[in-house]
Structures are given as structure tokens and as C-alpha cells.
């Protein structure tokens, strides 16, 4: 029995040793395979850095303001008896908007006009009597003064009636009606807003270092989110004579004809002041730039010869960027013309990694992209 037990133990040890030897060999083979394994190249899209002639621009953000815009309000209080406009309507200068109750003034005017007629008759009689020296010059002067005073009284009442007849001070587009028929209006109570749609101004600010390049008459282009595929063309109209003491920016104003009425007062727009002349810049797609706190960088393709076979690897380069135009960005330093940069797949790369080009499904880049509204 004891002998059988010893034989069993020996057999277990032999089996365990064999298993350990097999596992050791498997682990060594796996380590050797891992050391010799080369990962497959990553697939990337690329583009060539090339030179283009770009016009210098000064970008900014601005706000649209009307050349003429007011809130129509009465100078004299009264009760609304007539509303002669619809919200959002277009009106001409002098069009009737609102009439206030003038019944008391109408009665006063009739009395004042009667006084004028009486004063005229008295003046005519006094002039005839004065020609015959029947009355004195003082009486004639008094009759003249009475007529003048009566006419002034009538004119004052007519002015009051005119102020209660509210008309459009200029041509433009009305806003939302703020009053109702029969409402008692106080002095200064808003009735409706009136904005002149053309021309319009865009006010914005630029840093003081750009002041030397500014002059009235320069072309200004504006775009807004409401009409992303439309470029509005205007010109620089006003350069403020003083700078903001806090920001050291100069305020400028551009004028836009806005004949189609697309721009509205209060809109937020992005503007670019076009400077005369063009300069050559090195351009790459904006998707090629990897931004980080340490600076912008790109991955550049370089050939590598290994065992007589040429492969493509990437090397990361720090660059200094400048202006952006549509899908492109200009590079001031760190890149040379003709170098091929990675435009898609940059987040999975590191320097020295092997890559493979595939530009079959790369979207076309444009200086004036018009993406669909999604």
C-alpha cells in the first residue's frame, strides 16, 4: 500500500512538471512574438501644404444698428380714437399712424378762427378810418396786434391738434403695436417702433495696433448665422476719433445698403475689413491642426526605408498659425511648402508611428464652405 502511494505521488509530480514546462514554453513564445510583433499601419487622410495669395483682413464681431430708428410716442397725452397701421407694415414719411381725441381742441379752434375773422374785420375798418384821420395810429396798431394775437392763438391750437395726429417721421418698417383703441396715452408712452431698413450700420471695435491700417472707404464683409451662405458687402464709413480707455480699442462703423432687407437692427454679425493688397501664405486644412496648451502642432508624413522597403511614418511638428479662411488655416512657422500633413485620424497618432494613406472619402475643403443646416 505504501509503495503504491509513493508511486502515485511521483506520477503527480511528473505530470505537474510537464505542465509547468509546457506553460513556460508557451509564455516564452508569447513574449518572443510580442517583441517581434509590428502593429498594422493606421489609415489616415492627408493634404499637401501649399501657398496661396490671401488678402489681408481685420476680423471682428459687431452689431447691426439702423441709420434711423425710434419708438413713436406722443408729445401730448390723450385718448386713442384711431389706429391707422398694422404691426410690421412698411410706411412712408408722413403716413398717419395714430389719432388722439381732439374734440376739445376742435371746438377751441373754431372759436379762435372766429376771433381771427373778427380781428380782420376790425383791422380793415380801422385802416379805412385811419385813412380819413378819424382814429389814431395807436388804435390802428392795437387792431394789428389783436389780429396777430388771434392768429397766434389759432396756430397754437392747430399745433396741439397736429401733435395729437401722430405720423411717421420717416419711411421704414413698423414693429409690434403697443397701444389699443380707446387707451389713454401719457406723454412718452410708446406706440410702435419704426426702423429704417436701408441703409444700416454695423458697429464694431478693433485693437489700436490696427488703427494705422484703417481708412474710410475700405470694403467690409459681414456674415450672420441667419444667412450663413450670404456675404453682405459694405464699406467703412466712420472711424471714432478716440479710443476706449479700458480696452484700448477703436470703435468703427461700416455702412451696408441692405437693399434686400435681410439684415435687421440688433443682429450679431461677424465682419472682416478687407485691406488693400494680397500676400502669399502657406495653407493647410484646419482639421490638420492639433491644438494643445503647449501650442498647435501637425503630423507630417515622412518615408522610412526598412530592409529595402519604404514605409510611411508620421512626425509631430509644432507650428504657429495665423488667419482662418473657411476650411483652411494659414501657417506662419514650422511647416514648409509641399509637406504632406495628416488631416483625418490625428488623435490616434504619435511620432514614429507607421501609417497608410487613404484619401478616397475625404470631403472637399473650401474657402467659402456652405454646410447644410442640420
Protein backbone atom coordinates (compact mmCIF):
# COMPACT_ATOMS: atom_id res chain seq x y z
CA UNK A 1 0.00 0.00 0.00
CA UNK A 2 2.79 2.35 0.93
CA UNK A 3 4.60 1.62 -2.30
CA UNK A 4 1.50 2.44 -4.35
CA UNK A 5 1.13 5.75 -2.55
CA UNK A 6 4.74 6.73 -3.32
CA UNK A 7 4.32 5.79 -6.98
CA UNK A 8 1.18 7.95 -7.15
CA UNK A 9 2.98 10.95 -5.72
CA UNK A 10 5.81 10.51 -8.20
CA UNK A 11 3.38 10.41 -11.11
CA UNK A 12 1.62 13.59 -9.93
CA UNK A 13 4.96 15.37 -9.68
CA UNK A 14 5.94 14.23 -13.17
CA UNK A 15 2.61 15.43 -14.65
CA UNK A 16 2.83 18.80 -12.84
CA UNK A 17 6.42 19.27 -14.03
CA UNK A 18 5.38 18.51 -17.60
CA UNK A 19 2.53 21.01 -17.45
CA UNK A 20 4.85 23.66 -15.99
CA UNK A 21 7.36 23.07 -18.77
CA UNK A 22 4.66 23.41 -21.43
CA UNK A 23 3.29 26.64 -19.91
CA UNK A 24 6.80 28.06 -19.58
CA UNK A 25 7.45 27.35 -23.26
CA UNK A 26 4.11 28.94 -24.24
CA UNK A 27 4.84 32.09 -22.23
CA UNK A 28 8.33 32.38 -23.76
CA UNK A 29 6.87 32.01 -27.24
CA UNK A 30 4.25 34.71 -26.49
CA UNK A 31 6.91 37.09 -25.19
CA UNK A 32 9.04 36.50 -28.25
CA UNK A 33 6.04 37.05 -30.55
CA UNK A 34 5.12 40.26 -28.72
CA UNK A 35 8.67 41.56 -29.04
CA UNK A 36 8.70 40.90 -32.77
CA UNK A 37 5.08 42.00 -33.46
CA UNK A 38 4.64 45.09 -35.57
CA UNK A 39 1.16 46.70 -35.41
CA UNK A 40 -0.53 47.33 -38.77
CA UNK A 41 -0.24 50.90 -40.07
CA UNK A 42 -3.00 53.34 -39.16
CA UNK A 43 -5.12 54.64 -42.03
CA UNK A 44 -5.10 58.44 -42.34
CA UNK A 45 -6.17 61.15 -44.79
CA UNK A 46 -3.63 63.73 -45.91
CA UNK A 47 -3.22 67.06 -47.69
CA UNK A 48 -0.27 68.99 -49.08
CA UNK A 49 0.75 72.32 -47.56
CA UNK A 50 0.63 74.85 -50.40
CA UNK A 51 0.97 78.58 -50.93
CA UNK A 52 -1.99 80.83 -51.76
CA UNK A 53 -2.48 84.58 -52.21
CA UNK A 54 -4.74 85.85 -49.42
CA UNK A 55 -5.97 89.39 -48.97
CA UNK A 56 -5.23 90.79 -45.53
CA UNK A 57 -8.35 91.21 -43.41
CA UNK A 58 -9.12 92.50 -39.93
CA UNK A 59 -11.75 90.25 -38.32
CA UNK A 60 -14.18 91.44 -35.65
CA UNK A 61 -17.69 90.95 -34.34
CA UNK A 62 -20.29 93.68 -34.49
CA UNK A 63 -23.92 94.63 -34.01
CA UNK A 64 -26.34 95.95 -36.62
CA UNK A 65 -27.88 99.35 -35.89
CA UNK A 66 -30.35 101.31 -38.03
CA UNK A 67 -29.47 104.59 -39.69
CA UNK A 68 -32.81 105.84 -38.32
CA UNK A 69 -34.78 104.13 -35.60
CA UNK A 70 -37.22 105.46 -32.99
CA UNK A 71 -40.02 104.45 -30.68
CA UNK A 72 -43.01 106.55 -31.77
CA UNK A 73 -44.53 108.27 -28.71
CA UNK A 74 -46.97 111.17 -28.20
CA UNK A 75 -45.81 114.62 -27.13
CA UNK A 76 -49.25 115.29 -25.61
CA UNK A 77 -51.39 112.79 -23.72
CA UNK A 78 -54.85 111.79 -24.87
CA UNK A 79 -57.28 109.03 -25.74
CA UNK A 80 -56.62 106.90 -28.85
CA UNK A 81 -59.52 107.39 -31.31
CA UNK A 82 -57.94 105.90 -34.45
CA UNK A 83 -55.14 103.42 -35.24
CA UNK A 84 -54.17 103.60 -38.92
CA UNK A 85 -51.39 100.98 -39.16
CA UNK A 86 -50.76 97.25 -38.85
CA UNK A 87 -47.88 95.69 -36.97
CA UNK A 88 -44.90 95.02 -39.24
CA UNK A 89 -46.19 97.25 -42.04
CA UNK A 90 -43.97 99.40 -44.23
CA UNK A 91 -44.85 103.11 -44.14
CA UNK A 92 -43.77 106.25 -45.94
CA UNK A 93 -42.81 109.54 -44.38
CA UNK A 94 -45.94 111.40 -43.23
CA UNK A 95 -48.27 108.38 -43.16
CA UNK A 96 -50.89 108.56 -40.40
CA UNK A 97 -50.27 106.18 -37.52
CA UNK A 98 -52.49 107.18 -34.59
CA UNK A 99 -55.02 109.92 -33.84
CA UNK A 100 -55.83 111.06 -30.33
CA UNK A 101 -59.09 112.67 -29.23
CA UNK A 102 -59.11 116.34 -30.36
CA UNK A 103 -62.77 117.22 -29.76
CA UNK A 104 -61.92 119.92 -27.20
CA UNK A 105 -59.19 121.39 -29.39
CA UNK A 106 -61.50 121.39 -32.44
CA UNK A 107 -64.04 123.47 -30.53
CA UNK A 108 -61.33 125.82 -29.29
CA UNK A 109 -60.03 126.18 -32.85
CA UNK A 110 -63.43 127.19 -34.18
CA UNK A 111 -63.66 129.87 -31.51
CA UNK A 112 -60.11 131.04 -32.24
CA UNK A 113 -60.80 131.20 -36.00
CA UNK A 114 -63.90 133.31 -35.30
CA UNK A 115 -61.74 135.69 -33.27
CA UNK A 116 -59.33 135.89 -36.21
CA UNK A 117 -62.16 136.77 -38.60
CA UNK A 118 -63.43 139.46 -36.21
CA UNK A 119 -59.92 140.85 -35.77
CA UNK A 120 -59.51 141.06 -39.57
CA UNK A 121 -62.79 142.97 -39.93
CA UNK A 122 -61.82 145.37 -37.14
CA UNK A 123 -58.41 145.91 -38.74
CA UNK A 124 -60.00 146.67 -42.15
CA UNK A 125 -62.39 149.22 -40.60
CA UNK A 126 -59.63 150.81 -38.54
CA UNK A 127 -57.38 151.13 -41.62
CA UNK A 128 -60.19 152.97 -43.51
CA UNK A 129 -60.87 155.25 -40.56
CA UNK A 130 -57.19 155.94 -40.16
CA UNK A 131 -57.00 156.96 -43.83
CA UNK A 132 -59.57 159.64 -43.02
CA UNK A 133 -57.72 160.53 -39.78
CA UNK A 134 -60.82 159.52 -37.85
CA UNK A 135 -58.86 157.26 -35.49
CA UNK A 136 -55.35 157.49 -34.12
CA UNK A 137 -52.32 155.49 -35.13
CA UNK A 138 -52.41 153.83 -31.72
CA UNK A 139 -55.84 152.38 -32.44
CA UNK A 140 -54.58 151.03 -35.77
CA UNK A 141 -51.60 149.43 -34.04
CA UNK A 142 -53.92 147.92 -31.45
CA UNK A 143 -56.06 146.37 -34.21
CA UNK A 144 -52.92 144.92 -35.85
CA UNK A 145 -51.77 143.45 -32.55
CA UNK A 146 -55.21 141.98 -31.85
CA UNK A 147 -55.22 140.19 -35.23
CA UNK A 148 -51.70 138.87 -34.70
CA UNK A 149 -52.59 137.57 -31.24
CA UNK A 150 -55.77 135.92 -32.52
CA UNK A 151 -53.84 134.20 -35.31
CA UNK A 152 -51.20 133.01 -32.82
CA UNK A 153 -53.93 131.57 -30.58
CA UNK A 154 -55.40 129.67 -33.52
CA UNK A 155 -51.97 128.45 -34.60
CA UNK A 156 -51.29 127.17 -31.08
CA UNK A 157 -54.48 125.13 -31.11
CA UNK A 158 -53.68 123.79 -34.58
CA UNK A 159 -50.23 122.74 -33.28
CA UNK A 160 -51.85 120.86 -30.42
CA UNK A 161 -54.19 119.09 -32.86
CA UNK A 162 -51.17 118.29 -35.06
CA UNK A 163 -49.31 116.76 -32.14
CA UNK A 164 -52.32 114.56 -31.43
CA UNK A 165 -52.25 113.39 -35.04
CA UNK A 166 -49.17 111.16 -34.98
CA UNK A 167 -47.48 110.46 -38.33
CA UNK A 168 -44.38 108.54 -39.44
CA UNK A 169 -41.34 110.86 -39.22
CA UNK A 170 -39.53 108.88 -41.95
CA UNK A 171 -40.05 105.88 -44.21
CA UNK A 172 -39.39 102.49 -42.69
CA UNK A 173 -40.78 99.30 -41.21
CA UNK A 174 -43.02 99.28 -38.15
CA UNK A 175 -42.67 96.92 -35.24
CA UNK A 176 -45.36 95.47 -32.96
CA UNK A 177 -48.26 97.75 -31.99
CA UNK A 178 -48.10 98.69 -28.29
CA UNK A 179 -51.42 100.55 -27.90
CA UNK A 180 -55.12 99.79 -28.29
CA UNK A 181 -58.11 101.76 -29.42
CA UNK A 182 -59.60 103.81 -26.58
CA UNK A 183 -56.44 103.64 -24.47
CA UNK A 184 -55.44 106.73 -22.51
CA UNK A 185 -51.87 107.58 -23.52
CA UNK A 186 -49.47 109.50 -21.33
CA UNK A 187 -46.70 111.68 -22.68
CA UNK A 188 -43.82 109.48 -23.90
CA UNK A 189 -45.81 106.21 -23.88
CA UNK A 190 -44.51 104.01 -26.71
CA UNK A 191 -46.89 103.40 -29.61
CA UNK A 192 -44.76 101.41 -32.06
CA UNK A 193 -41.12 101.15 -33.12
CA UNK A 194 -40.09 102.45 -36.55
CA UNK A 195 -36.85 101.34 -38.17
CA UNK A 196 -35.37 102.39 -41.48
CA UNK A 197 -34.22 99.13 -43.18
CA UNK A 198 -31.81 100.79 -45.59
CA UNK A 199 -29.11 101.79 -45.10
CA UNK A 200 -27.95 100.01 -41.96
CA UNK A 201 -24.81 100.38 -39.87
CA UNK A 202 -22.62 97.73 -38.26
CA UNK A 203 -20.69 98.96 -35.23
CA UNK A 204 -17.63 97.05 -34.02
CA UNK A 205 -14.24 97.58 -32.38
CA UNK A 206 -10.66 96.85 -33.46
CA UNK A 207 -7.38 96.85 -31.47
CA UNK A 208 -5.37 100.05 -31.52
CA UNK A 209 -2.49 98.35 -33.36
CA UNK A 210 -4.80 98.08 -36.40
CA UNK A 211 -5.55 101.81 -36.40
CA UNK A 212 -2.75 102.68 -38.84
CA UNK A 213 -4.27 100.36 -41.47
CA UNK A 214 -7.78 101.79 -41.25
CA UNK A 215 -9.26 104.34 -43.59
CA UNK A 216 -12.80 105.16 -44.64
CA UNK A 217 -13.93 103.55 -47.85
CA UNK A 218 -12.38 100.12 -47.18
CA UNK A 219 -14.61 97.18 -48.11
CA UNK A 220 -16.23 95.34 -45.24
CA UNK A 221 -17.87 91.93 -45.49
CA UNK A 222 -20.36 90.68 -42.92
CA UNK A 223 -21.96 87.29 -42.29
CA UNK A 224 -24.58 86.26 -39.77
CA UNK A 225 -25.95 82.93 -38.60
CA UNK A 226 -29.39 83.66 -40.04
CA UNK A 227 -27.99 83.72 -43.60
CA UNK A 228 -24.83 81.63 -43.37
CA UNK A 229 -24.39 81.42 -47.15
CA UNK A 230 -24.77 85.17 -47.75
CA UNK A 231 -21.94 87.71 -47.67
CA UNK A 232 -23.10 91.28 -47.12
CA UNK A 233 -20.82 93.88 -48.69
CA UNK A 234 -20.43 97.35 -47.21
CA UNK A 235 -17.76 99.95 -46.64
CA UNK A 236 -16.05 101.56 -43.69
CA UNK A 237 -17.87 104.82 -43.03
CA UNK A 238 -16.70 106.17 -39.65
CA UNK A 239 -13.58 105.77 -37.51
CA UNK A 240 -14.03 107.08 -33.99
CA UNK A 241 -11.56 109.85 -33.09
CA UNK A 242 -11.00 108.44 -29.58
CA UNK A 243 -10.08 105.03 -28.16
CA UNK A 244 -11.71 103.19 -25.30
CA UNK A 245 -9.52 103.87 -22.26
CA UNK A 246 -10.23 100.42 -20.81
CA UNK A 247 -9.81 98.11 -23.82
CA UNK A 248 -7.64 100.43 -25.99
CA UNK A 249 -9.90 99.56 -28.91
CA UNK A 250 -11.11 101.97 -31.56
CA UNK A 251 -14.79 101.95 -32.49
CA UNK A 252 -15.61 101.91 -36.19
CA UNK A 253 -18.81 101.87 -38.22
CA UNK A 254 -19.49 100.26 -41.58
CA UNK A 255 -22.45 101.12 -43.78
CA UNK A 256 -24.49 98.49 -45.66
CA UNK A 257 -27.17 99.33 -48.21
CA UNK A 258 -29.28 96.28 -47.24
CA UNK A 259 -31.47 96.66 -50.32
CA UNK A 260 -32.99 93.19 -49.81
CA UNK A 261 -33.83 93.95 -46.16
CA UNK A 262 -32.24 90.76 -44.80
CA UNK A 263 -30.23 92.48 -42.08
CA UNK A 264 -32.20 93.61 -39.04
CA UNK A 265 -31.31 96.04 -36.29
CA UNK A 266 -29.80 94.27 -33.28
CA UNK A 267 -28.35 91.36 -35.25
CA UNK A 268 -24.97 89.91 -34.23
CA UNK A 269 -22.62 89.63 -37.23
CA UNK A 270 -19.03 88.66 -37.96
CA UNK A 271 -17.20 91.22 -40.07
CA UNK A 272 -13.93 91.38 -41.96
CA UNK A 273 -12.34 94.64 -43.04
CA UNK A 274 -10.51 93.98 -46.32
CA UNK A 275 -7.14 95.71 -46.52
CA UNK A 276 -5.62 96.64 -49.91
CA UNK A 277 -3.15 94.19 -51.44
CA UNK A 278 -2.56 90.45 -51.11
CA UNK A 279 0.23 88.36 -49.59
CA UNK A 280 1.40 84.78 -50.09
CA UNK A 281 0.59 82.44 -47.19
CA UNK A 282 1.17 78.74 -46.52
CA UNK A 283 -2.20 77.00 -46.26
CA UNK A 284 -3.35 73.67 -44.81
CA UNK A 285 -6.82 72.33 -43.89
CA UNK A 286 -7.87 73.42 -40.43
CA UNK A 287 -8.60 69.78 -39.49
CA UNK A 288 -4.85 69.06 -39.67
CA UNK A 289 -4.10 71.24 -36.64
CA UNK A 290 -3.94 69.58 -33.23
CA UNK A 291 -4.44 72.23 -30.54
CA UNK A 292 -2.97 71.83 -27.06
CA UNK A 293 -1.97 74.11 -24.15
CA UNK A 294 1.65 73.83 -25.28
CA UNK A 295 0.80 75.06 -28.79
CA UNK A 296 -0.54 73.94 -32.14
CA UNK A 297 1.00 71.01 -34.00
CA UNK A 298 0.58 68.84 -37.09
CA UNK A 299 1.65 65.33 -38.08
CA UNK A 300 3.83 65.29 -41.20
CA UNK A 301 4.32 62.19 -43.37
CA UNK A 302 7.91 61.04 -43.90
CA UNK A 303 9.22 58.00 -45.87
CA UNK A 304 11.19 55.40 -43.92
CA UNK A 305 13.27 52.63 -45.56
CA UNK A 306 13.37 49.36 -43.57
CA UNK A 307 15.02 46.24 -45.04
CA UNK A 308 14.83 47.72 -48.52
CA UNK A 309 11.11 48.53 -48.13
CA UNK A 310 9.79 52.09 -47.97
CA UNK A 311 7.11 52.76 -45.36
CA UNK A 312 5.34 55.95 -44.29
CA UNK A 313 5.69 57.24 -40.75
CA UNK A 314 4.49 60.44 -39.07
CA UNK A 315 6.43 63.03 -37.14
CA UNK A 316 4.77 65.66 -34.98
CA UNK A 317 5.80 69.29 -35.63
CA UNK A 318 4.99 72.41 -33.63
CA UNK A 319 3.63 75.21 -35.83
CA UNK A 320 2.44 78.81 -35.46
CA UNK A 321 -0.89 79.54 -37.13
CA UNK A 322 -2.41 82.85 -38.26
CA UNK A 323 -5.65 83.53 -40.12
CA UNK A 324 -8.50 81.16 -40.83
CA UNK A 325 -10.47 81.24 -44.09
CA UNK A 326 -13.32 78.79 -44.43
CA UNK A 327 -11.91 75.25 -44.07
CA UNK A 328 -8.27 76.43 -44.29
CA UNK A 329 -5.77 77.96 -41.89
CA UNK A 330 -2.51 79.75 -42.68
CA UNK A 331 0.79 78.68 -41.09
CA UNK A 332 3.46 81.27 -40.29
CA UNK A 333 6.19 78.99 -38.96
CA UNK A 334 7.06 75.30 -38.51
CA UNK A 335 6.00 73.93 -41.90
CA UNK A 336 7.34 74.02 -45.45
CA UNK A 337 5.50 74.08 -48.79
CA UNK A 338 4.98 70.61 -50.24
CA UNK A 339 4.98 68.78 -46.91
CA UNK A 340 2.12 66.34 -46.55
CA UNK A 341 0.12 66.68 -43.33
CA UNK A 342 -2.46 64.36 -41.78
CA UNK A 343 -5.98 65.82 -41.92
CA UNK A 344 -8.04 62.93 -40.51
CA UNK A 345 -7.11 60.44 -37.79
CA UNK A 346 -4.62 62.69 -35.95
CA UNK A 347 -5.92 61.83 -32.47
CA UNK A 348 -4.69 58.22 -32.71
CA UNK A 349 -1.15 59.10 -33.85
CA UNK A 350 2.21 59.55 -32.18
CA UNK A 351 5.62 60.36 -33.63
CA UNK A 352 7.28 57.47 -35.43
CA UNK A 353 4.05 55.55 -36.00
CA UNK A 354 3.58 53.76 -39.32
CA UNK A 355 0.60 54.98 -41.39
CA UNK A 356 -1.17 54.32 -44.66
CA UNK A 357 -2.80 57.00 -46.86
CA UNK A 358 -6.43 56.77 -47.93
CA UNK A 359 -7.93 59.95 -49.40
CA UNK A 360 -10.85 58.30 -51.18
CA UNK A 361 -13.54 59.54 -48.77
CA UNK A 362 -12.07 62.90 -47.73
CA UNK A 363 -14.58 65.80 -48.04
CA UNK A 364 -13.53 68.71 -50.23
CA UNK A 365 -12.24 71.78 -48.41
CA UNK A 366 -13.38 75.25 -49.43
CA UNK A 367 -12.55 78.88 -48.63
CA UNK A 368 -16.30 79.60 -48.57
CA UNK A 369 -17.99 76.48 -47.20
CA UNK A 370 -21.78 76.28 -47.13
CA UNK A 371 -22.64 73.34 -44.88
CA UNK A 372 -26.27 72.16 -44.87
CA UNK A 373 -28.46 73.22 -41.97
CA UNK A 374 -28.72 70.19 -39.71
